[in-house]
Amino acid sequence: MATMKVTDDSFEADVLKSDIPVVVDFWAEWCGPCKQIGPALEELSEAYEGRVKIAKVNVDENPNSPAQLGVRGIPALFLFKDGAVVSNKTGAAPKAALQGWIEESL
């Protein structure tokens, strides 16, 4: 399963009401580090299929969700479990570090 695109309108249903944990990547087209972690997130989405969803929110197109969470820099990753933030991380990181962060947050 590829990463899923989430909007301000779908954020509650796709993330907050998800029956499995969700990693949300707040990103933008113009953000170099965001593009660096994109392929790693796609691979992790496949690896965690059925256990963790990986969602992407474009902050330029959807400013409300990141504003509500106090996102100040991107890429910003938030892990939601049962509708609540259990961990967050800002900045690019290699795939192994992202996977380790997800594992320790679960």
Protein backbone atom coordinates (compact mmCIF):
# COMPACT_ATOMS: atom_id res chain seq x y z
CA MET A 1 0.00 0.00 0.00
CA ALA A 2 1.39 3.37 -0.96
CA THR A 3 1.32 6.40 1.27
CA MET A 4 -2.09 8.02 1.40
CA LYS A 5 -2.85 11.67 0.67
CA VAL A 6 -4.73 13.34 3.51
CA THR A 7 -6.40 16.76 3.39
CA ASP A 8 -7.73 19.08 6.08
CA ASP A 9 -11.21 17.74 5.22
CA SER A 10 -10.22 14.08 5.52
CA PHE A 11 -7.81 14.41 8.47
CA GLU A 12 -10.31 13.42 11.15
CA ALA A 13 -11.58 10.33 9.31
CA ASP A 14 -8.22 9.21 7.89
CA VAL A 15 -6.02 9.91 10.91
CA LEU A 16 -7.89 10.61 14.14
CA LYS A 17 -10.49 7.86 13.66
CA SER A 18 -8.14 5.28 12.15
CA ASP A 19 -8.31 1.81 13.67
CA ILE A 20 -4.53 1.41 13.27
CA PRO A 21 -1.67 3.83 14.07
CA VAL A 22 -0.96 6.54 11.47
CA VAL A 23 2.31 8.31 10.71
CA VAL A 24 1.53 11.73 9.21
CA ASP A 25 4.19 13.46 7.12
CA PHE A 26 3.60 17.21 6.85
CA TRP A 27 5.48 18.28 3.71
CA ALA A 28 5.58 20.71 0.75
CA GLU A 29 6.66 20.50 -2.91
CA TRP A 30 9.39 23.11 -2.43
CA CYS A 31 10.95 21.35 0.59
CA GLY A 32 14.16 19.50 -0.31
CA PRO A 33 14.37 17.40 2.87
CA CYS A 34 10.70 16.44 2.42
CA LYS A 35 11.52 15.03 -1.00
CA GLN A 36 14.53 13.17 0.46
CA ILE A 37 12.40 11.14 2.88
CA GLY A 38 9.57 10.52 0.41
CA PRO A 39 10.97 7.27 -1.04
CA ALA A 40 11.76 5.91 2.44
CA LEU A 41 8.20 6.61 3.56
CA GLU A 42 6.85 4.81 0.47
CA GLU A 43 8.99 1.75 1.31
CA LEU A 44 7.93 1.85 4.97
CA SER A 45 4.31 2.10 3.89
CA GLU A 46 4.73 -1.23 2.10
CA ALA A 47 6.59 -2.80 5.04
CA TYR A 48 3.93 -1.76 7.58
CA GLU A 49 0.89 -2.52 5.41
CA GLY A 50 -2.05 -3.47 7.61
CA ARG A 51 -0.23 -2.41 10.81
CA VAL A 52 0.54 1.29 10.31
CA LYS A 53 -0.75 3.78 7.75
CA ILE A 54 1.62 6.40 6.38
CA ALA A 55 -0.15 9.58 5.32
CA LYS A 56 1.10 12.75 3.67
CA VAL A 57 -0.36 16.23 4.19
CA ASN A 58 0.76 19.01 1.84
CA VAL A 59 0.99 22.04 4.16
CA ASP A 60 0.54 24.55 1.33
CA GLU A 61 -2.75 23.00 0.23
CA ASN A 62 -3.92 22.08 3.75
CA PRO A 63 -2.82 24.71 6.31
CA ASN A 64 -5.35 23.91 9.06
CA SER A 65 -4.16 20.47 10.22
CA PRO A 66 -0.50 21.49 10.69
CA ALA A 67 -1.54 24.76 12.35
CA GLN A 68 -3.67 22.89 14.90
CA LEU A 69 -0.68 20.70 15.77
CA GLY A 70 1.76 23.61 15.99
CA VAL A 71 3.89 22.50 13.04
CA ARG A 72 6.60 25.12 12.52
CA GLY A 73 9.13 23.29 10.34
CA ILE A 74 8.91 20.56 7.73
CA PRO A 75 9.24 17.72 7.21
CA ALA A 76 7.32 17.12 10.42
CA LEU A 77 6.27 13.57 11.27
CA PHE A 78 3.57 12.79 13.82
CA LEU A 79 2.56 9.31 14.94
CA PHE A 80 -1.09 9.04 15.97
CA LYS A 81 -2.49 6.11 17.93
CA ASP A 82 -6.17 5.96 18.91
CA GLY A 83 -6.63 9.56 17.73
CA ALA A 84 -3.83 11.06 19.84
CA VAL A 85 -0.26 12.08 19.06
CA VAL A 86 2.13 9.61 20.70
CA SER A 87 5.33 10.91 19.13
CA ASN A 88 6.62 13.50 16.70
CA LYS A 89 9.84 14.19 14.83
CA THR A 90 11.02 17.13 12.73
CA GLY A 91 13.56 16.97 9.92
CA ALA A 92 14.80 14.43 7.42
CA ALA A 93 16.29 11.13 8.53
CA PRO A 94 17.43 7.93 6.79
CA LYS A 95 14.96 5.06 6.38
CA ALA A 96 16.50 3.04 9.23
CA ALA A 97 16.12 5.96 11.64
CA LEU A 98 12.51 6.54 10.56
CA GLN A 99 11.74 2.83 11.00
CA GLY A 100 13.37 2.84 14.45
CA TRP A 101 11.30 5.87 15.45
CA ILE A 102 8.08 4.17 14.32
CA GLU A 103 8.97 0.93 16.13
CA GLU A 104 9.77 2.65 19.44
CA SER A 105 6.61 4.77 19.19
CA LEU A 106 4.34 1.77 18.75
